[in-house]
């Protein structure tokens, strides 16, 4: 292997500098600087097209994906799109990284801290044939690791008493009635993880 040591390589005036040919692998053994931050290092996703039912108040995994960051200084952009509704109101969606809840509202008394509330179907209304398309966008800047981390989306009903309590059901990718008819819809949900270099 040949080696050339110089202080600077500059292109001719008005000409773009090209390194290597198509199909070549360019290896940098040192630290590349001067390229700026905010580079997309990897993007992975999980897609869910099947339906899921969740009974009661126990938050249950709907989407989950593991990513291994390339650098401890990276951030992970988390994007969630989820179709969720409930038999009787109060369906909540929570986002976690390795069991730590992220992107949630402030603590306030007995209120449940969620990323988004969805599925506000009411037995007194006519929206039993409605799915609620909810989304979460969160930039996780605190990963500080090059070990694998797992992001998880969980859903459940958040009301524990009365007729809206433990007997309620949360539905993913389907409406509560789920009548076999063309006006009844089914949907899909996804979790996308994008590593952003510092």
Protein backbone atom coordinates (compact mmCIF):
# COMPACT_ATOMS: atom_id res chain seq x y z
CA UNK A 1 0.00 0.00 0.00
CA UNK A 2 1.35 3.40 -1.01
CA UNK A 3 1.14 6.43 1.29
CA UNK A 4 1.28 10.14 0.47
CA UNK A 5 1.63 12.72 3.23
CA UNK A 6 0.69 16.32 2.45
CA UNK A 7 -0.69 19.31 4.37
CA UNK A 8 -3.50 20.18 1.94
CA UNK A 9 -5.16 18.97 -1.24
CA UNK A 10 -6.94 21.64 -3.29
CA UNK A 11 -8.86 21.30 -6.57
CA UNK A 12 -8.12 23.43 -9.61
CA UNK A 13 -10.07 26.66 -9.73
CA UNK A 14 -13.71 26.01 -10.64
CA UNK A 15 -13.31 22.22 -10.52
CA UNK A 16 -14.93 19.92 -7.93
CA UNK A 17 -12.52 17.74 -5.99
CA UNK A 18 -13.21 14.04 -6.46
CA UNK A 19 -11.73 11.29 -4.27
CA UNK A 20 -11.83 7.72 -5.59
CA UNK A 21 -13.92 6.11 -8.30
CA UNK A 22 -17.38 4.58 -8.32
CA UNK A 23 -17.38 1.39 -6.26
CA UNK A 24 -14.32 2.38 -4.20
CA UNK A 25 -14.39 2.30 -0.40
CA UNK A 26 -12.93 5.41 1.23
CA UNK A 27 -11.72 4.81 4.80
CA UNK A 28 -11.04 7.56 7.34
CA UNK A 29 -8.92 6.25 10.22
CA UNK A 30 -8.82 9.61 12.00
CA UNK A 31 -11.55 12.09 12.93
CA UNK A 32 -13.26 13.87 10.06
CA UNK A 33 -13.73 17.57 10.87
CA UNK A 34 -15.06 20.59 9.03
CA UNK A 35 -18.03 18.80 7.52
CA UNK A 36 -20.58 20.32 9.90
CA UNK A 37 -23.12 18.49 12.08
CA UNK A 38 -26.64 17.29 11.59
CA UNK A 39 -25.76 14.39 9.30
CA UNK A 40 -28.15 11.46 9.01
CA UNK A 41 -26.13 8.41 10.05
CA UNK A 42 -28.87 5.78 9.83
CA UNK A 43 -32.63 5.47 9.58
CA UNK A 44 -34.59 2.37 10.59
CA UNK A 45 -38.29 1.69 11.01
CA UNK A 46 -40.92 -0.81 12.06
CA UNK A 47 -44.35 -0.92 10.41
CA UNK A 48 -47.49 -2.45 11.91
CA UNK A 49 -50.46 -3.29 9.70
CA UNK A 50 -52.20 -5.88 11.89
CA UNK A 51 -54.84 -5.00 14.48
CA UNK A 52 -54.37 -5.19 18.24
CA UNK A 53 -56.75 -4.96 21.19
CA UNK A 54 -55.64 -3.91 24.68
CA UNK A 55 -57.95 -4.55 27.61
CA UNK A 56 -58.02 -2.35 30.70
CA UNK A 57 -55.44 0.04 32.09
CA UNK A 58 -52.12 -1.79 31.64
CA UNK A 59 -49.92 -0.01 29.08
CA UNK A 60 -49.02 -2.60 26.47
CA UNK A 61 -46.37 -2.54 23.72
CA UNK A 62 -47.67 -1.70 20.25
CA UNK A 63 -44.43 -0.74 18.43
CA UNK A 64 -40.81 -1.39 19.34
CA UNK A 65 -37.47 -0.93 17.53
CA UNK A 66 -33.82 -1.16 18.58
CA UNK A 67 -31.07 1.10 17.24
CA UNK A 68 -27.32 1.04 17.91
CA UNK A 69 -25.92 4.60 17.71
CA UNK A 70 -22.64 5.14 15.87
CA UNK A 71 -21.43 7.80 18.33
CA UNK A 72 -22.16 8.86 21.89
CA UNK A 73 -22.69 12.44 20.68
CA UNK A 74 -25.53 11.46 18.33
CA UNK A 75 -29.21 12.24 18.81
CA UNK A 76 -32.11 10.05 17.73
CA UNK A 77 -35.14 11.57 16.02
CA UNK A 78 -38.15 9.46 16.99
CA UNK A 79 -41.25 9.66 14.79
CA UNK A 80 -44.41 7.76 15.65
CA UNK A 81 -47.63 7.54 13.66
CA UNK A 82 -50.32 5.42 15.28
CA UNK A 83 -53.99 4.67 14.63
CA UNK A 84 -55.62 4.21 18.03
CA UNK A 85 -59.11 4.47 19.47
CA UNK A 86 -61.06 3.01 22.37
CA UNK A 87 -64.43 1.54 23.22
CA UNK A 88 -65.00 4.27 25.80
CA UNK A 89 -62.67 7.29 25.83
CA UNK A 90 -59.31 8.00 27.50
CA UNK A 91 -56.88 6.01 25.32
CA UNK A 92 -53.31 7.19 26.02
CA UNK A 93 -50.03 6.68 24.16
CA UNK A 94 -46.62 6.61 25.87
CA UNK A 95 -43.09 6.64 24.41
CA UNK A 96 -40.15 4.92 26.14
CA UNK A 97 -36.41 4.48 25.66
CA UNK A 98 -35.16 1.39 27.51
CA UNK A 99 -38.04 1.67 29.98
CA UNK A 100 -37.60 5.42 30.57
CA UNK A 101 -40.68 7.42 29.58
CA UNK A 102 -40.00 10.23 27.10
CA UNK A 103 -41.96 13.11 25.58
CA UNK A 104 -44.64 13.41 28.28
CA UNK A 105 -46.66 16.18 29.85
CA UNK A 106 -45.73 17.77 33.18
CA UNK A 107 -46.77 16.10 36.42
CA UNK A 108 -50.04 17.52 37.75
CA UNK A 109 -51.87 15.73 40.54
CA UNK A 110 -53.40 12.41 39.54
CA UNK A 111 -53.29 13.17 35.82
CA UNK A 112 -51.65 10.49 33.67
CA UNK A 113 -48.54 11.71 31.88
CA UNK A 114 -48.69 10.60 28.24
CA UNK A 115 -47.13 11.61 24.94
CA UNK A 116 -50.53 11.98 23.30
CA UNK A 117 -54.15 11.21 24.17
CA UNK A 118 -56.18 9.53 21.49
CA UNK A 119 -59.20 7.39 20.86
CA UNK A 120 -61.80 9.69 22.43
CA UNK A 121 -64.70 7.49 21.33
CA UNK A 122 -67.73 8.20 23.54
CA UNK A 123 -70.61 5.78 23.97
CA UNK A 124 -72.95 8.77 23.72
CA UNK A 125 -71.67 9.84 20.29
CA UNK A 126 -71.59 8.28 16.84
CA UNK A 127 -67.83 7.89 16.35
CA UNK A 128 -67.66 4.13 16.88
CA UNK A 129 -66.49 3.89 13.26
CA UNK A 130 -63.63 6.39 13.69
CA UNK A 131 -59.88 5.78 14.02
CA UNK A 132 -57.75 8.55 15.49
CA UNK A 133 -54.45 9.11 13.67
CA UNK A 134 -52.03 10.33 16.34
CA UNK A 135 -48.37 11.21 16.07
CA UNK A 136 -45.30 11.81 18.23
CA UNK A 137 -42.13 13.58 17.12
CA UNK A 138 -39.31 13.67 19.68
CA UNK A 139 -35.58 14.44 19.37
CA UNK A 140 -33.77 12.32 21.96
CA UNK A 141 -30.52 14.16 22.72
CA UNK A 142 -29.64 12.23 25.88
CA UNK A 143 -28.71 8.76 24.65
CA UNK A 144 -24.90 9.16 25.23
CA UNK A 145 -24.12 5.57 24.27
CA UNK A 146 -22.98 3.37 21.40
CA UNK A 147 -24.82 0.38 22.87
CA UNK A 148 -28.15 -0.76 21.50
CA UNK A 149 -31.16 1.19 22.78
CA UNK A 150 -34.81 0.23 22.31
CA UNK A 151 -37.67 2.65 21.72
CA UNK A 152 -41.14 1.41 22.59
CA UNK A 153 -44.65 2.78 22.07
CA UNK A 154 -47.29 1.60 24.54
CA UNK A 155 -51.05 2.20 24.72
CA UNK A 156 -53.84 1.69 27.24
CA UNK A 157 -56.99 3.23 28.64
CA UNK A 158 -56.06 5.63 31.46
CA UNK A 159 -59.31 5.66 33.43
CA UNK A 160 -59.54 3.13 36.26
CA UNK A 161 -63.02 3.68 37.66
CA UNK A 162 -66.70 3.50 36.80
CA UNK A 163 -68.12 2.29 33.52
CA UNK A 164 -65.08 3.68 31.64
CA UNK A 165 -62.61 1.65 33.69
CA UNK A 166 -61.08 -1.79 33.52
CA UNK A 167 -63.73 -3.11 31.11
CA UNK A 168 -62.72 -0.70 28.35
CA UNK A 169 -60.74 -1.76 25.29
CA UNK A 170 -58.14 0.14 23.29
CA UNK A 171 -57.92 -0.68 19.58
CA UNK A 172 -54.91 -0.32 17.27
CA UNK A 173 -55.35 0.00 13.49
CA UNK A 174 -59.12 -0.57 13.64
CA UNK A 175 -62.32 1.16 14.69
CA UNK A 176 -64.30 -0.04 17.74
CA UNK A 177 -67.22 -1.50 15.76
CA UNK A 178 -65.08 -3.11 13.03
CA UNK A 179 -68.18 -3.89 10.98
CA UNK A 180 -67.44 -5.87 7.81
CA UNK A 181 -68.41 -3.10 5.38
CA UNK A 182 -66.67 -0.76 2.93
CA UNK A 183 -67.24 2.26 5.20
CA UNK A 184 -65.30 0.53 8.00
CA UNK A 185 -61.58 1.23 7.76
CA UNK A 186 -58.40 -0.35 8.99
CA UNK A 187 -55.11 1.50 9.20
CA UNK A 188 -51.38 1.11 9.79
CA UNK A 189 -48.90 2.46 12.33
CA UNK A 190 -45.15 3.03 12.29
CA UNK A 191 -42.12 3.89 14.39
CA UNK A 192 -39.13 5.55 12.65
CA UNK A 193 -35.73 6.08 14.29
CA UNK A 194 -33.19 8.41 12.63
CA UNK A 195 -29.71 8.85 14.09
CA UNK A 196 -28.44 12.42 13.68
CA UNK A 197 -24.69 13.01 14.01
CA UNK A 198 -23.48 15.89 16.20
